[in-house]
Amino acid sequence: MILVTGAAGKTGLAVLAALQQRSVKTRAFVRHDEQIAAVRNAGAAEVVVGNLLDADVWRLATTAVSAIYHIC
């Protein structure tokens, strides 16, 4: 599982699509519920919604991931 932060942006969506083409399971980190559909359509297997500065949300997002693709 690879975590992609900034997943709903132009680069994030491209990263999700590229990883899906390679059959890599991804978790998308987004800030707003309205972004869930876009990242799911791009190939995210899982989605976490929240603020990167929230330690509890960050802990949830990073559980069982082998890598993080951090887009800021």
N, C-alpha and C. Protein backbone atom coordinates (compact mmCIF):
# COMPACT_ATOMS: atom_id res chain seq x y z
N MET A 1 0.86 -1.18 0.00
CA MET A 1 0.00 0.00 0.00
C MET A 1 0.90 1.23 0.00
N ILE A 2 0.61 2.15 -0.93
CA ILE A 2 1.32 3.42 -0.99
C ILE A 2 0.34 4.54 -0.68
N LEU A 3 0.73 5.41 0.24
CA LEU A 3 -0.06 6.58 0.59
C LEU A 3 0.32 7.72 -0.35
N VAL A 4 -0.70 8.36 -0.94
CA VAL A 4 -0.48 9.52 -1.80
C VAL A 4 -1.15 10.72 -1.14
N THR A 5 -0.34 11.68 -0.68
CA THR A 5 -0.91 12.91 -0.13
C THR A 5 -1.12 13.89 -1.28
N GLY A 6 -2.00 14.85 -1.06
CA GLY A 6 -2.30 15.78 -2.15
C GLY A 6 -2.91 15.06 -3.34
N ALA A 7 -3.61 13.99 -3.05
CA ALA A 7 -4.07 13.07 -4.09
C ALA A 7 -5.11 13.65 -5.04
N ALA A 8 -5.83 14.67 -4.63
CA ALA A 8 -6.89 15.21 -5.48
C ALA A 8 -6.41 16.27 -6.47
N GLY A 9 -5.16 16.65 -6.38
CA GLY A 9 -4.62 17.63 -7.32
C GLY A 9 -4.21 16.98 -8.63
N LYS A 10 -3.76 17.79 -9.56
CA LYS A 10 -3.38 17.30 -10.89
C LYS A 10 -2.31 16.23 -10.81
N THR A 11 -1.25 16.49 -10.06
CA THR A 11 -0.16 15.51 -9.93
C THR A 11 -0.62 14.28 -9.17
N GLY A 12 -1.35 14.48 -8.09
CA GLY A 12 -1.84 13.37 -7.28
C GLY A 12 -2.71 12.41 -8.07
N LEU A 13 -3.62 12.95 -8.86
CA LEU A 13 -4.49 12.11 -9.68
C LEU A 13 -3.68 11.33 -10.71
N ALA A 14 -2.66 11.96 -11.27
CA ALA A 14 -1.80 11.28 -12.25
C ALA A 14 -1.00 10.17 -11.58
N VAL A 15 -0.53 10.41 -10.37
CA VAL A 15 0.22 9.38 -9.63
C VAL A 15 -0.70 8.20 -9.32
N LEU A 16 -1.90 8.47 -8.85
CA LEU A 16 -2.85 7.39 -8.56
C LEU A 16 -3.13 6.55 -9.80
N ALA A 17 -3.36 7.21 -10.93
CA ALA A 17 -3.65 6.49 -12.18
C ALA A 17 -2.46 5.65 -12.61
N ALA A 18 -1.25 6.20 -12.49
CA ALA A 18 -0.04 5.46 -12.90
C ALA A 18 0.18 4.25 -12.00
N LEU A 19 -0.05 4.41 -10.72
CA LEU A 19 0.13 3.28 -9.80
C LEU A 19 -0.94 2.21 -10.03
N GLN A 20 -2.17 2.64 -10.34
CA GLN A 20 -3.23 1.67 -10.62
C GLN A 20 -2.88 0.85 -11.86
N GLN A 21 -2.32 1.48 -12.88
CA GLN A 21 -1.92 0.77 -14.10
C GLN A 21 -0.88 -0.30 -13.80
N ARG A 22 -0.12 -0.11 -12.72
CA ARG A 22 0.90 -1.07 -12.32
C ARG A 22 0.40 -2.02 -11.23
N SER A 23 -0.91 -2.00 -10.99
CA SER A 23 -1.56 -2.85 -9.99
C SER A 23 -1.03 -2.62 -8.58
N VAL A 24 -0.66 -1.38 -8.29
CA VAL A 24 -0.19 -1.02 -6.95
C VAL A 24 -1.39 -0.49 -6.16
N LYS A 25 -1.61 -1.03 -4.98
CA LYS A 25 -2.71 -0.61 -4.14
C LYS A 25 -2.35 0.73 -3.48
N THR A 26 -3.27 1.70 -3.54
CA THR A 26 -2.99 3.03 -3.01
C THR A 26 -4.04 3.49 -2.01
N ARG A 27 -3.59 4.37 -1.14
CA ARG A 27 -4.48 5.07 -0.21
C ARG A 27 -4.30 6.56 -0.49
N ALA A 28 -5.37 7.24 -0.79
CA ALA A 28 -5.34 8.67 -1.09
C ALA A 28 -5.64 9.48 0.16
N PHE A 29 -4.86 10.52 0.38
CA PHE A 29 -5.11 11.45 1.47
C PHE A 29 -5.61 12.75 0.87
N VAL A 30 -6.83 13.14 1.25
CA VAL A 30 -7.44 14.37 0.74
C VAL A 30 -7.95 15.21 1.91
N ARG A 31 -8.22 16.46 1.62
CA ARG A 31 -8.67 17.38 2.68
C ARG A 31 -10.18 17.47 2.81
N HIS A 32 -10.92 17.16 1.74
CA HIS A 32 -12.37 17.39 1.74
C HIS A 32 -13.13 16.17 1.20
N ASP A 33 -14.30 15.93 1.77
CA ASP A 33 -15.15 14.82 1.32
C ASP A 33 -15.48 14.91 -0.16
N GLU A 34 -15.60 16.14 -0.68
CA GLU A 34 -15.96 16.34 -2.09
C GLU A 34 -14.90 15.77 -3.04
N GLN A 35 -13.72 15.48 -2.54
CA GLN A 35 -12.62 14.98 -3.38
C GLN A 35 -12.58 13.45 -3.46
N ILE A 36 -13.40 12.79 -2.68
CA ILE A 36 -13.35 11.33 -2.62
C ILE A 36 -13.64 10.69 -3.98
N ALA A 37 -14.68 11.12 -4.66
CA ALA A 37 -15.04 10.51 -5.94
C ALA A 37 -13.91 10.62 -6.96
N ALA A 38 -13.26 11.77 -7.01
CA ALA A 38 -12.19 11.98 -7.99
C ALA A 38 -11.02 11.02 -7.76
N VAL A 39 -10.62 10.85 -6.50
CA VAL A 39 -9.48 9.96 -6.24
C VAL A 39 -9.86 8.50 -6.40
N ARG A 40 -11.10 8.17 -6.09
CA ARG A 40 -11.57 6.79 -6.33
C ARG A 40 -11.55 6.50 -7.84
N ASN A 41 -12.04 7.45 -8.63
CA ASN A 41 -12.06 7.27 -10.09
C ASN A 41 -10.65 7.17 -10.66
N ALA A 42 -9.68 7.78 -10.00
CA ALA A 42 -8.29 7.72 -10.46
C ALA A 42 -7.59 6.43 -10.03
N GLY A 43 -8.25 5.67 -9.14
CA GLY A 43 -7.69 4.37 -8.78
C GLY A 43 -7.38 4.13 -7.32
N ALA A 44 -7.68 5.07 -6.44
CA ALA A 44 -7.40 4.87 -5.02
C ALA A 44 -8.25 3.74 -4.46
N ALA A 45 -7.60 2.80 -3.81
CA ALA A 45 -8.31 1.70 -3.17
C ALA A 45 -8.94 2.15 -1.86
N GLU A 46 -8.27 3.08 -1.19
CA GLU A 46 -8.75 3.60 0.08
C GLU A 46 -8.58 5.12 0.08
N VAL A 47 -9.39 5.79 0.90
CA VAL A 47 -9.30 7.25 1.00
C VAL A 47 -9.36 7.66 2.47
N VAL A 48 -8.47 8.56 2.85
CA VAL A 48 -8.50 9.17 4.17
C VAL A 48 -8.74 10.66 3.97
N VAL A 49 -9.71 11.20 4.70
CA VAL A 49 -10.04 12.62 4.61
C VAL A 49 -9.62 13.29 5.90
N GLY A 50 -8.86 14.37 5.79
CA GLY A 50 -8.48 15.07 7.00
C GLY A 50 -7.37 16.07 6.77
N ASN A 51 -6.81 16.52 7.88
CA ASN A 51 -5.75 17.52 7.88
C ASN A 51 -4.43 16.82 8.18
N LEU A 52 -3.41 17.06 7.39
CA LEU A 52 -2.09 16.44 7.61
C LEU A 52 -1.50 16.80 8.97
N LEU A 53 -1.93 17.89 9.55
CA LEU A 53 -1.40 18.31 10.84
C LEU A 53 -2.08 17.62 12.02
N ASP A 54 -3.12 16.86 11.77
CA ASP A 54 -3.83 16.12 12.81
C ASP A 54 -3.13 14.78 13.02
N ALA A 55 -2.49 14.61 14.16
CA ALA A 55 -1.70 13.40 14.43
C ALA A 55 -2.52 12.12 14.34
N ASP A 56 -3.76 12.15 14.82
CA ASP A 56 -4.60 10.95 14.78
C ASP A 56 -4.94 10.56 13.34
N VAL A 57 -5.26 11.54 12.53
CA VAL A 57 -5.57 11.27 11.12
C VAL A 57 -4.32 10.79 10.40
N TRP A 58 -3.18 11.41 10.67
CA TRP A 58 -1.92 11.00 10.05
C TRP A 58 -1.57 9.56 10.42
N ARG A 59 -1.77 9.20 11.68
CA ARG A 59 -1.51 7.83 12.15
C ARG A 59 -2.40 6.85 11.38
N LEU A 60 -3.66 7.18 11.23
CA LEU A 60 -4.59 6.33 10.47
C LEU A 60 -4.14 6.21 9.01
N ALA A 61 -3.77 7.32 8.42
CA ALA A 61 -3.38 7.33 7.00
C ALA A 61 -2.12 6.52 6.74
N THR A 62 -1.21 6.50 7.69
CA THR A 62 0.08 5.84 7.47
C THR A 62 0.14 4.40 7.96
N THR A 63 -0.92 3.92 8.55
CA THR A 63 -0.95 2.54 9.02
C THR A 63 -0.85 1.58 7.84
N ALA A 64 0.09 0.65 7.93
CA ALA A 64 0.27 -0.43 6.94
C ALA A 64 0.62 0.07 5.54
N VAL A 65 1.34 1.19 5.45
CA VAL A 65 1.82 1.63 4.14
C VAL A 65 3.32 1.36 4.05
N SER A 66 3.77 1.03 2.86
CA SER A 66 5.19 0.74 2.66
C SER A 66 5.95 1.95 2.12
N ALA A 67 5.20 2.94 1.61
CA ALA A 67 5.83 4.14 1.06
C ALA A 67 4.82 5.28 1.06
N ILE A 68 5.35 6.50 1.04
CA ILE A 68 4.51 7.69 0.98
C ILE A 68 4.97 8.55 -0.19
N TYR A 69 4.04 8.90 -1.05
CA TYR A 69 4.31 9.84 -2.14
C TYR A 69 3.70 11.16 -1.69
N HIS A 70 4.54 12.06 -1.17
CA HIS A 70 4.05 13.30 -0.56
C HIS A 70 4.09 14.44 -1.58
N ILE A 71 2.91 14.92 -1.92
CA ILE A 71 2.78 16.03 -2.87
C ILE A 71 2.29 17.24 -2.08
N CYS A 72 3.07 18.32 -2.15
CA CYS A 72 2.64 19.52 -1.41
C CYS A 72 2.43 20.69 -2.32
